[in-house]
């Protein structure tokens, strides 16, 4: 079995996302947050995830990251739909 190719940028993004999640969790456990503080924390968490997913999908010259666990999006033929019958009672 071949070793998976490594990507330094992917590892940095994963580490950053993990650190953001851990920091948000610690802040939420340590004190009561108001609505706006919680929204800011969610925004930080969402942004770290968005950057990670963008890298996995198309950050290597428009192709997926080779160090990703598996292809996230694959080309699949759409299934042909058969017409449904209407049943009259």
PDB file of N, CA and C in Angstrom:
ATOM      1  N   UNK A   1       0.847  -1.173   0.000  1.00  0.00           N
ATOM      2  CA  UNK A   1       0.000   0.000   0.000  1.00  0.00           C
ATOM      3  C   UNK A   1       0.894   1.239   0.000  1.00  0.00           C
ATOM      4  N   UNK A   2       0.571   2.192  -0.824  1.00  0.00           N
ATOM      5  CA  UNK A   2       1.370   3.409  -0.947  1.00  0.00           C
ATOM      6  C   UNK A   2       1.055   4.379   0.189  1.00  0.00           C
ATOM      7  N   UNK A   3       2.067   5.073   0.703  1.00  0.00           N
ATOM      8  CA  UNK A   3       1.794   6.075   1.740  1.00  0.00           C
ATOM      9  C   UNK A   3       1.054   7.269   1.131  1.00  0.00           C
ATOM     10  N   UNK A   4       0.184   7.858   1.920  1.00  0.00           N
ATOM     11  CA  UNK A   4      -0.581   9.006   1.438  1.00  0.00           C
ATOM     12  C   UNK A   4       0.353  10.201   1.267  1.00  0.00           C
ATOM     13  N   UNK A   5       0.178  10.966   0.193  1.00  0.00           N
ATOM     14  CA  UNK A   5       1.016  12.156   0.013  1.00  0.00           C
ATOM     15  C   UNK A   5       0.716  13.173   1.113  1.00  0.00           C
ATOM     16  N   UNK A   6       1.728  13.924   1.492  1.00  0.00           N
ATOM     17  CA  UNK A   6       1.518  14.893   2.561  1.00  0.00           C
ATOM     18  C   UNK A   6       1.365  16.296   1.983  1.00  0.00           C
ATOM     19  N   UNK A   7       0.645  17.108   2.700  1.00  0.00           N
ATOM     20  CA  UNK A   7       0.420  18.492   2.291  1.00  0.00           C
ATOM     21  C   UNK A   7       0.578  19.350   3.550  1.00  0.00           C
ATOM     22  N   UNK A   8       1.628  20.181   3.579  1.00  0.00           N
ATOM     23  CA  UNK A   8       1.901  21.000   4.751  1.00  0.00           C
ATOM     24  C   UNK A   8       0.775  21.994   5.024  1.00  0.00           C
ATOM     25  N   UNK A   9       0.231  22.554   3.966  1.00  0.00           N
ATOM     26  CA  UNK A   9      -0.843  23.536   4.149  1.00  0.00           C
ATOM     27  C   UNK A   9      -2.083  22.889   4.765  1.00  0.00           C
ATOM     28  N   UNK A  10      -2.393  21.661   4.348  1.00  0.00           N
ATOM     29  CA  UNK A  10      -3.534  20.952   4.922  1.00  0.00           C
ATOM     30  C   UNK A  10      -3.324  20.705   6.412  1.00  0.00           C
ATOM     31  N   UNK A  11      -2.123  20.302   6.789  1.00  0.00           N
ATOM     32  CA  UNK A  11      -1.846  20.064   8.204  1.00  0.00           C
ATOM     33  C   UNK A  11      -1.956  21.349   9.017  1.00  0.00           C
ATOM     34  N   UNK A  12      -1.486  22.472   8.459  1.00  0.00           N
ATOM     35  CA  UNK A  12      -1.616  23.762   9.145  1.00  0.00           C
ATOM     36  C   UNK A  12      -3.078  24.142   9.323  1.00  0.00           C
ATOM     37  N   UNK A  13      -3.883  23.925   8.277  1.00  0.00           N
ATOM     38  CA  UNK A  13      -5.312  24.275   8.352  1.00  0.00           C
ATOM     39  C   UNK A  13      -6.040  23.384   9.353  1.00  0.00           C
ATOM     40  N   UNK A  14      -5.709  22.100   9.385  1.00  0.00           N
ATOM     41  CA  UNK A  14      -6.327  21.188  10.355  1.00  0.00           C
ATOM     42  C   UNK A  14      -5.970  21.584  11.784  1.00  0.00           C
ATOM     43  N   UNK A  15      -4.709  21.915  12.001  1.00  0.00           N
ATOM     44  CA  UNK A  15      -4.272  22.328  13.324  1.00  0.00           C
ATOM     45  C   UNK A  15      -4.960  23.626  13.743  1.00  0.00           C
ATOM     46  N   UNK A  16      -5.084  24.566  12.806  1.00  0.00           N
ATOM     47  CA  UNK A  16      -5.758  25.824  13.100  1.00  0.00           C
ATOM     48  C   UNK A  16      -7.230  25.585  13.444  1.00  0.00           C
ATOM     49  N   UNK A  17      -7.903  24.741  12.670  1.00  0.00           N
ATOM     50  CA  UNK A  17      -9.315  24.452  12.947  1.00  0.00           C
ATOM     51  C   UNK A  17      -9.463  23.789  14.310  1.00  0.00           C
ATOM     52  N   UNK A  18      -8.569  22.865  14.648  1.00  0.00           N
ATOM     53  CA  UNK A  18      -8.620  22.206  15.945  1.00  0.00           C
ATOM     54  C   UNK A  18      -8.416  23.210  17.074  1.00  0.00           C
ATOM     55  N   UNK A  19      -7.460  24.108  16.905  1.00  0.00           N
ATOM     56  CA  UNK A  19      -7.197  25.117  17.935  1.00  0.00           C
ATOM     57  C   UNK A  19      -8.388  26.051  18.116  1.00  0.00           C
ATOM     58  N   UNK A  20      -9.017  26.437  17.014  1.00  0.00           N
ATOM     59  CA  UNK A  20     -10.196  27.310  17.100  1.00  0.00           C
ATOM     60  C   UNK A  20     -11.321  26.586  17.825  1.00  0.00           C
ATOM     61  N   UNK A  21     -11.578  25.321  17.489  1.00  0.00           N
ATOM     62  CA  UNK A  21     -12.637  24.562  18.163  1.00  0.00           C
ATOM     63  C   UNK A  21     -12.368  24.448  19.662  1.00  0.00           C
ATOM     64  N   UNK A  22     -11.110  24.138  19.999  1.00  0.00           N
ATOM     65  CA  UNK A  22     -10.759  23.983  21.408  1.00  0.00           C
ATOM     66  C   UNK A  22     -10.914  25.296  22.160  1.00  0.00           C
ATOM     67  N   UNK A  23     -10.488  26.385  21.546  1.00  0.00           N
ATOM     68  CA  UNK A  23     -10.594  27.703  22.185  1.00  0.00           C
ATOM     69  C   UNK A  23     -12.057  28.096  22.392  1.00  0.00           C
ATOM     70  N   UNK A  24     -12.890  27.874  21.385  1.00  0.00           N
ATOM     71  CA  UNK A  24     -14.318  28.195  21.492  1.00  0.00           C
ATOM     72  C   UNK A  24     -14.963  27.368  22.598  1.00  0.00           C
ATOM     73  N   UNK A  25     -14.620  26.096  22.660  1.00  0.00           N
ATOM     74  CA  UNK A  25     -15.181  25.214  23.685  1.00  0.00           C
ATOM     75  C   UNK A  25     -14.787  25.675  25.085  1.00  0.00           C
ATOM     76  N   UNK A  26     -13.522  26.040  25.266  1.00  0.00           N
ATOM     77  CA  UNK A  26     -13.064  26.511  26.567  1.00  0.00           C
ATOM     78  C   UNK A  26     -13.740  27.822  26.969  1.00  0.00           C
ATOM     79  N   UNK A  27     -13.914  28.722  26.024  1.00  0.00           N
ATOM     80  CA  UNK A  27     -14.570  30.000  26.326  1.00  0.00           C
ATOM     81  C   UNK A  27     -16.018  29.764  26.728  1.00  0.00           C
ATOM     82  N   UNK A  28     -16.709  28.899  25.999  1.00  0.00           N
ATOM     83  CA  UNK A  28     -18.116  28.636  26.317  1.00  0.00           C
ATOM     84  C   UNK A  28     -18.274  27.956  27.676  1.00  0.00           C
ATOM     85  N   UNK A  29     -17.342  27.105  28.032  1.00  0.00           N
ATOM     86  CA  UNK A  29     -17.434  26.426  29.326  1.00  0.00           C
ATOM     87  C   UNK A  29     -17.042  27.331  30.484  1.00  0.00           C
ATOM     88  N   UNK A  30     -16.183  28.305  30.235  1.00  0.00           N
ATOM     89  CA  UNK A  30     -15.661  29.130  31.319  1.00  0.00           C
ATOM     90  C   UNK A  30     -16.621  30.238  31.761  1.00  0.00           C
ATOM     91  N   UNK A  31     -17.462  30.708  30.846  1.00  0.00           N
ATOM     92  CA  UNK A  31     -18.364  31.796  31.235  1.00  0.00           C
ATOM     93  C   UNK A  31     -19.618  31.792  30.386  1.00  0.00           C
ATOM     94  N   UNK A  32     -20.606  32.535  30.859  1.00  0.00           N
ATOM     95  CA  UNK A  32     -21.864  32.670  30.140  1.00  0.00           C
ATOM     96  C   UNK A  32     -21.700  33.744  29.076  1.00  0.00           C
ATOM     97  N   UNK A  33     -22.068  33.436  27.848  1.00  0.00           N
ATOM     98  CA  UNK A  33     -21.900  34.369  26.737  1.00  0.00           C
ATOM     99  C   UNK A  33     -23.229  34.987  26.350  1.00  0.00           C
ATOM    100  N   UNK A  34     -23.169  36.234  25.915  1.00  0.00           N
ATOM    101  CA  UNK A  34     -24.390  36.814  25.366  1.00  0.00           C
ATOM    102  C   UNK A  34     -24.513  36.396  23.897  1.00  0.00           C
ATOM    103  N   UNK A  35     -25.590  36.758  23.294  1.00  0.00           N
ATOM    104  CA  UNK A  35     -25.896  36.330  21.927  1.00  0.00           C
ATOM    105  C   UNK A  35     -24.820  36.775  20.939  1.00  0.00           C
ATOM    106  N   UNK A  36     -24.349  38.006  21.062  1.00  0.00           N
ATOM    107  CA  UNK A  36     -23.394  38.544  20.100  1.00  0.00           C
ATOM    108  C   UNK A  36     -22.012  37.903  20.244  1.00  0.00           C
ATOM    109  N   UNK A  37     -21.602  37.633  21.470  1.00  0.00           N
ATOM    110  CA  UNK A  37     -20.324  36.958  21.682  1.00  0.00           C
ATOM    111  C   UNK A  37     -20.368  35.536  21.116  1.00  0.00           C
ATOM    112  N   UNK A  38     -21.477  34.862  21.324  1.00  0.00           N
ATOM    113  CA  UNK A  38     -21.632  33.513  20.797  1.00  0.00           C
ATOM    114  C   UNK A  38     -21.628  33.530  19.270  1.00  0.00           C
ATOM    115  N   UNK A  39     -22.259  34.518  18.674  1.00  0.00           N
ATOM    116  CA  UNK A  39     -22.274  34.634  17.212  1.00  0.00           C
ATOM    117  C   UNK A  39     -20.867  34.870  16.673  1.00  0.00           C
ATOM    118  N   UNK A  40     -20.078  35.687  17.368  1.00  0.00           N
ATOM    119  CA  UNK A  40     -18.691  35.914  16.942  1.00  0.00           C
ATOM    120  C   UNK A  40     -17.873  34.623  17.008  1.00  0.00           C
ATOM    121  N   UNK A  41     -18.055  33.863  18.073  1.00  0.00           N
ATOM    122  CA  UNK A  41     -17.333  32.594  18.199  1.00  0.00           C
ATOM    123  C   UNK A  41     -17.735  31.622  17.100  1.00  0.00           C
ATOM    124  N   UNK A  42     -19.026  31.572  16.797  1.00  0.00           N
ATOM    125  CA  UNK A  42     -19.489  30.697  15.718  1.00  0.00           C
ATOM    126  C   UNK A  42     -18.914  31.132  14.374  1.00  0.00           C
ATOM    127  N   UNK A  43     -18.793  32.437  14.173  1.00  0.00           N
ATOM    128  CA  UNK A  43     -18.216  32.949  12.929  1.00  0.00           C
ATOM    129  C   UNK A  43     -16.766  32.531  12.765  1.00  0.00           C
ATOM    130  N   UNK A  44     -15.991  32.598  13.851  1.00  0.00           N
ATOM    131  CA  UNK A  44     -14.591  32.159  13.801  1.00  0.00           C
ATOM    132  C   UNK A  44     -14.496  30.674  13.477  1.00  0.00           C
ATOM    133  N   UNK A  45     -15.349  29.893  14.122  1.00  0.00           N
ATOM    134  CA  UNK A  45     -15.337  28.443  13.899  1.00  0.00           C
ATOM    135  C   UNK A  45     -15.725  28.126  12.453  1.00  0.00           C
ATOM    136  N   UNK A  46     -16.752  28.792  11.952  1.00  0.00           N
ATOM    137  CA  UNK A  46     -17.218  28.560  10.582  1.00  0.00           C
ATOM    138  C   UNK A  46     -16.152  28.957   9.562  1.00  0.00           C
ATOM    139  N   UNK A  47     -15.468  30.055   9.814  1.00  0.00           N
ATOM    140  CA  UNK A  47     -14.441  30.498   8.877  1.00  0.00           C
ATOM    141  C   UNK A  47     -13.279  29.503   8.802  1.00  0.00           C
ATOM    142  N   UNK A  48     -12.876  28.956   9.943  1.00  0.00           N
ATOM    143  CA  UNK A  48     -11.787  27.978   9.919  1.00  0.00           C
ATOM    144  C   UNK A  48     -12.203  26.718   9.165  1.00  0.00           C
ATOM    145  N   UNK A  49     -13.456  26.316   9.309  1.00  0.00           N
ATOM    146  CA  UNK A  49     -13.952  25.153   8.564  1.00  0.00           C
ATOM    147  C   UNK A  49     -14.046  25.432   7.070  1.00  0.00           C
ATOM    148  N   UNK A  50     -14.497  26.625   6.711  1.00  0.00           N
ATOM    149  CA  UNK A  50     -14.643  26.986   5.306  1.00  0.00           C
ATOM    150  C   UNK A  50     -13.298  26.959   4.594  1.00  0.00           C
ATOM    151  N   UNK A  51     -12.275  27.509   5.228  1.00  0.00           N
ATOM    152  CA  UNK A  51     -10.941  27.518   4.637  1.00  0.00           C
ATOM    153  C   UNK A  51     -10.430  26.086   4.450  1.00  0.00           C
ATOM    154  N   UNK A  52     -10.662  25.234   5.428  1.00  0.00           N
ATOM    155  CA  UNK A  52     -10.223  23.842   5.343  1.00  0.00           C
ATOM    156  C   UNK A  52     -10.932  23.104   4.207  1.00  0.00           C
ATOM    157  N   UNK A  53     -12.226  23.268   4.101  1.00  0.00           N
ATOM    158  CA  UNK A  53     -12.986  22.576   3.045  1.00  0.00           C
ATOM    159  C   UNK A  53     -12.608  23.103   1.667  1.00  0.00           C
ATOM    160  N   UNK A  54     -12.420  24.409   1.531  1.00  0.00           N
ATOM    161  CA  UNK A  54     -11.992  24.963   0.246  1.00  0.00           C
ATOM    162  C   UNK A  54     -10.657  24.373  -0.182  1.00  0.00           C
ATOM    163  N   UNK A  55      -9.752  24.225   0.768  1.00  0.00           N
ATOM    164  CA  UNK A  55      -8.454  23.635   0.439  1.00  0.00           C
ATOM    165  C   UNK A  55      -8.623  22.183  -0.008  1.00  0.00           C
ATOM    166  N   UNK A  56      -9.450  21.435   0.689  1.00  0.00           N
ATOM    167  CA  UNK A  56      -9.652  20.032   0.324  1.00  0.00           C
ATOM    168  C   UNK A  56     -10.290  19.886  -1.052  1.00  0.00           C
ATOM    169  N   UNK A  57     -11.186  20.799  -1.406  1.00  0.00           N
ATOM    170  CA  UNK A  57     -11.923  20.670  -2.661  1.00  0.00           C
ATOM    171  C   UNK A  57     -11.151  21.154  -3.882  1.00  0.00           C
ATOM    172  N   UNK A  58     -10.505  22.311  -3.785  1.00  0.00           N
ATOM    173  CA  UNK A  58      -9.934  22.870  -5.014  1.00  0.00           C
ATOM    174  C   UNK A  58      -8.800  23.844  -4.766  1.00  0.00           C
ATOM    175  N   UNK A  59      -7.862  23.507  -3.934  1.00  0.00           N
ATOM    176  CA  UNK A  59      -6.797  24.469  -3.678  1.00  0.00           C
ATOM    177  C   UNK A  59      -5.480  24.109  -4.347  1.00  0.00           C
ATOM    178  N   UNK A  60      -5.410  23.018  -5.043  1.00  0.00           N
ATOM    179  CA  UNK A  60      -4.195  22.631  -5.756  1.00  0.00           C
ATOM    180  C   UNK A  60      -4.444  22.784  -7.251  1.00  0.00           C
ATOM    181  N   UNK A  61      -4.312  24.000  -7.730  1.00  0.00           N
ATOM    182  CA  UNK A  61      -4.551  24.329  -9.149  1.00  0.00           C
ATOM    183  C   UNK A  61      -5.928  23.861  -9.614  1.00  0.00           C
ATOM    184  N   UNK A  62      -6.916  24.054  -8.778  1.00  0.00           N
ATOM    185  CA  UNK A  62      -8.281  23.684  -9.130  1.00  0.00           C
ATOM    186  C   UNK A  62      -8.630  22.229  -8.880  1.00  0.00           C
ATOM    187  N   UNK A  63      -7.709  21.453  -8.351  1.00  0.00           N
ATOM    188  CA  UNK A  63      -7.954  20.045  -8.062  1.00  0.00           C
ATOM    189  C   UNK A  63      -7.990  19.823  -6.559  1.00  0.00           C
ATOM    190  N   UNK A  64      -8.545  18.695  -6.151  1.00  0.00           N
ATOM    191  CA  UNK A  64      -8.642  18.389  -4.724  1.00  0.00           C
ATOM    192  C   UNK A  64      -7.257  18.167  -4.143  1.00  0.00           C
ATOM    193  N   UNK A  65      -7.168  18.294  -2.850  1.00  0.00           N
ATOM    194  CA  UNK A  65      -5.892  18.099  -2.155  1.00  0.00           C
ATOM    195  C   UNK A  65      -5.539  16.605  -2.186  1.00  0.00           C
ATOM    196  N   UNK A  66      -4.343  16.262  -2.641  1.00  0.00           N
ATOM    197  CA  UNK A  66      -3.983  14.840  -2.712  1.00  0.00           C
ATOM    198  C   UNK A  66      -3.805  14.201  -1.337  1.00  0.00           C
ATOM    199  N   UNK A  67      -3.616  14.999  -0.298  1.00  0.00           N
ATOM    200  CA  UNK A  67      -3.431  14.444   1.042  1.00  0.00           C
ATOM    201  C   UNK A  67      -4.759  14.272   1.771  1.00  0.00           C
ATOM    202  N   UNK A  68      -5.862  14.644   1.127  1.00  0.00           N
ATOM    203  CA  UNK A  68      -7.168  14.468   1.741  1.00  0.00           C
ATOM    204  C   UNK A  68      -7.495  12.994   1.895  1.00  0.00           C
ATOM    205  N   UNK A  69      -8.405  12.658   2.804  1.00  0.00           N
ATOM    206  CA  UNK A  69      -8.695  11.257   3.083  1.00  0.00           C
ATOM    207  C   UNK A  69      -9.315  10.502   1.911  1.00  0.00           C
ATOM    208  N   UNK A  70     -10.126  11.162   1.137  1.00  0.00           N
ATOM    209  CA  UNK A  70     -10.762  10.530  -0.024  1.00  0.00           C
ATOM    210  C   UNK A  70     -11.367  11.625  -0.880  1.00  0.00           C
ATOM    211  N   UNK A  71     -11.739  11.340  -2.112  1.00  0.00           N
ATOM    212  CA  UNK A  71     -12.403  12.369  -2.908  1.00  0.00           C
ATOM    213  C   UNK A  71     -13.714  12.781  -2.251  1.00  0.00           C
ATOM    214  N   UNK A  72     -13.902  14.080  -2.094  1.00  0.00           N
ATOM    215  CA  UNK A  72     -15.114  14.571  -1.453  1.00  0.00           C
ATOM    216  C   UNK A  72     -16.254  14.632  -2.463  1.00  0.00           C
ATOM    217  N   UNK A  73     -15.944  15.072  -3.658  1.00  0.00           N
ATOM    218  CA  UNK A  73     -16.956  15.193  -4.697  1.00  0.00           C
ATOM    219  C   UNK A  73     -16.523  14.323  -5.864  1.00  0.00           C
ATOM    220  N   UNK A  74     -17.415  13.498  -6.336  1.00  0.00           N
ATOM    221  CA  UNK A  74     -17.107  12.659  -7.484  1.00  0.00           C
ATOM    222  C   UNK A  74     -18.122  12.910  -8.584  1.00  0.00           C
ATOM    223  N   UNK A  75     -17.707  12.625  -9.785  1.00  0.00           N
ATOM    224  CA  UNK A  75     -18.619  12.763 -10.915  1.00  0.00           C
ATOM    225  C   UNK A  75     -19.512  11.530 -10.960  1.00  0.00           C
ATOM    226  N   UNK A  76     -20.783  11.729 -10.792  1.00  0.00           N
ATOM    227  CA  UNK A  76     -21.733  10.629 -10.782  1.00  0.00           C
ATOM    228  C   UNK A  76     -22.792  10.911 -11.841  1.00  0.00           C
ATOM    229  N   UNK A  77     -23.097   9.891 -12.611  1.00  0.00           N
ATOM    230  CA  UNK A  77     -24.156  10.057 -13.600  1.00  0.00           C
ATOM    231  C   UNK A  77     -25.488  10.214 -12.882  1.00  0.00           C
ATOM    232  N   UNK A  78     -26.302  11.167 -13.317  1.00  0.00           N
ATOM    233  CA  UNK A  78     -27.616  11.293 -12.681  1.00  0.00           C
ATOM    234  C   UNK A  78     -28.487  10.091 -13.041  1.00  0.00           C
ATOM    235  N   UNK A  79     -29.263   9.655 -12.083  1.00  0.00           N
ATOM    236  CA  UNK A  79     -30.152   8.522 -12.339  1.00  0.00           C
ATOM    237  C   UNK A  79     -31.331   8.969 -13.189  1.00  0.00           C
ATOM    238  N   UNK A  80     -31.717   8.094 -14.072  1.00  0.00           N
ATOM    239  CA  UNK A  80     -32.869   8.391 -14.908  1.00  0.00           C
ATOM    240  C   UNK A  80     -34.129   8.168 -14.085  1.00  0.00           C
ATOM    241  N   UNK A  81     -34.953   9.157 -14.065  1.00  0.00           N
ATOM    242  CA  UNK A  81     -36.194   9.047 -13.301  1.00  0.00           C
ATOM    243  C   UNK A  81     -37.280   8.403 -14.151  1.00  0.00           C
ATOM    244  N   UNK A  82     -37.956   7.484 -13.552  1.00  0.00           N
ATOM    245  CA  UNK A  82     -39.084   6.881 -14.242  1.00  0.00           C
ATOM    246  C   UNK A  82     -40.329   7.654 -13.839  1.00  0.00           C
ATOM    247  N   UNK A  83     -41.234   7.855 -14.783  1.00  0.00           N
ATOM    248  CA  UNK A  83     -42.443   8.606 -14.435  1.00  0.00           C
ATOM    249  C   UNK A  83     -43.265   7.852 -13.395  1.00  0.00           C
ATOM    250  N   UNK A  84     -43.791   8.588 -12.472  1.00  0.00           N
ATOM    251  CA  UNK A  84     -44.614   7.960 -11.445  1.00  0.00           C
ATOM    252  C   UNK A  84     -46.049   7.859 -11.945  1.00  0.00           C
ATOM    253  N   UNK A  85     -46.684   6.821 -11.510  1.00  0.00           N
ATOM    254  CA  UNK A  85     -48.081   6.624 -11.925  1.00  0.00           C
ATOM    255  C   UNK A  85     -48.998   7.242 -10.893  1.00  0.00           C
ATOM    256  N   UNK A  86     -50.037   7.819 -11.361  1.00  0.00           N
ATOM    257  CA  UNK A  86     -51.043   8.360 -10.453  1.00  0.00           C
ATOM    258  C   UNK A  86     -52.116   7.301 -10.252  1.00  0.00           C
ATOM    259  N   UNK A  87     -52.392   7.016  -9.042  1.00  0.00           N
ATOM    260  CA  UNK A  87     -53.419   6.031  -8.726  1.00  0.00           C
ATOM    261  C   UNK A  87     -54.704   6.741  -8.339  1.00  0.00           C
ATOM    262  N   UNK A  88     -55.742   6.427  -9.044  1.00  0.00           N
ATOM    263  CA  UNK A  88     -57.037   7.028  -8.744  1.00  0.00           C
ATOM    264  C   UNK A  88     -57.856   6.046  -7.955  1.00  0.00           C
ATOM    265  N   UNK A  89     -58.413   6.531  -6.900  1.00  0.00           N
ATOM    266  CA  UNK A  89     -59.246   5.659  -6.055  1.00  0.00           C
ATOM    267  C   UNK A  89     -60.674   5.721  -6.470  1.00  0.00           C
TER     268      UNK A  89
END
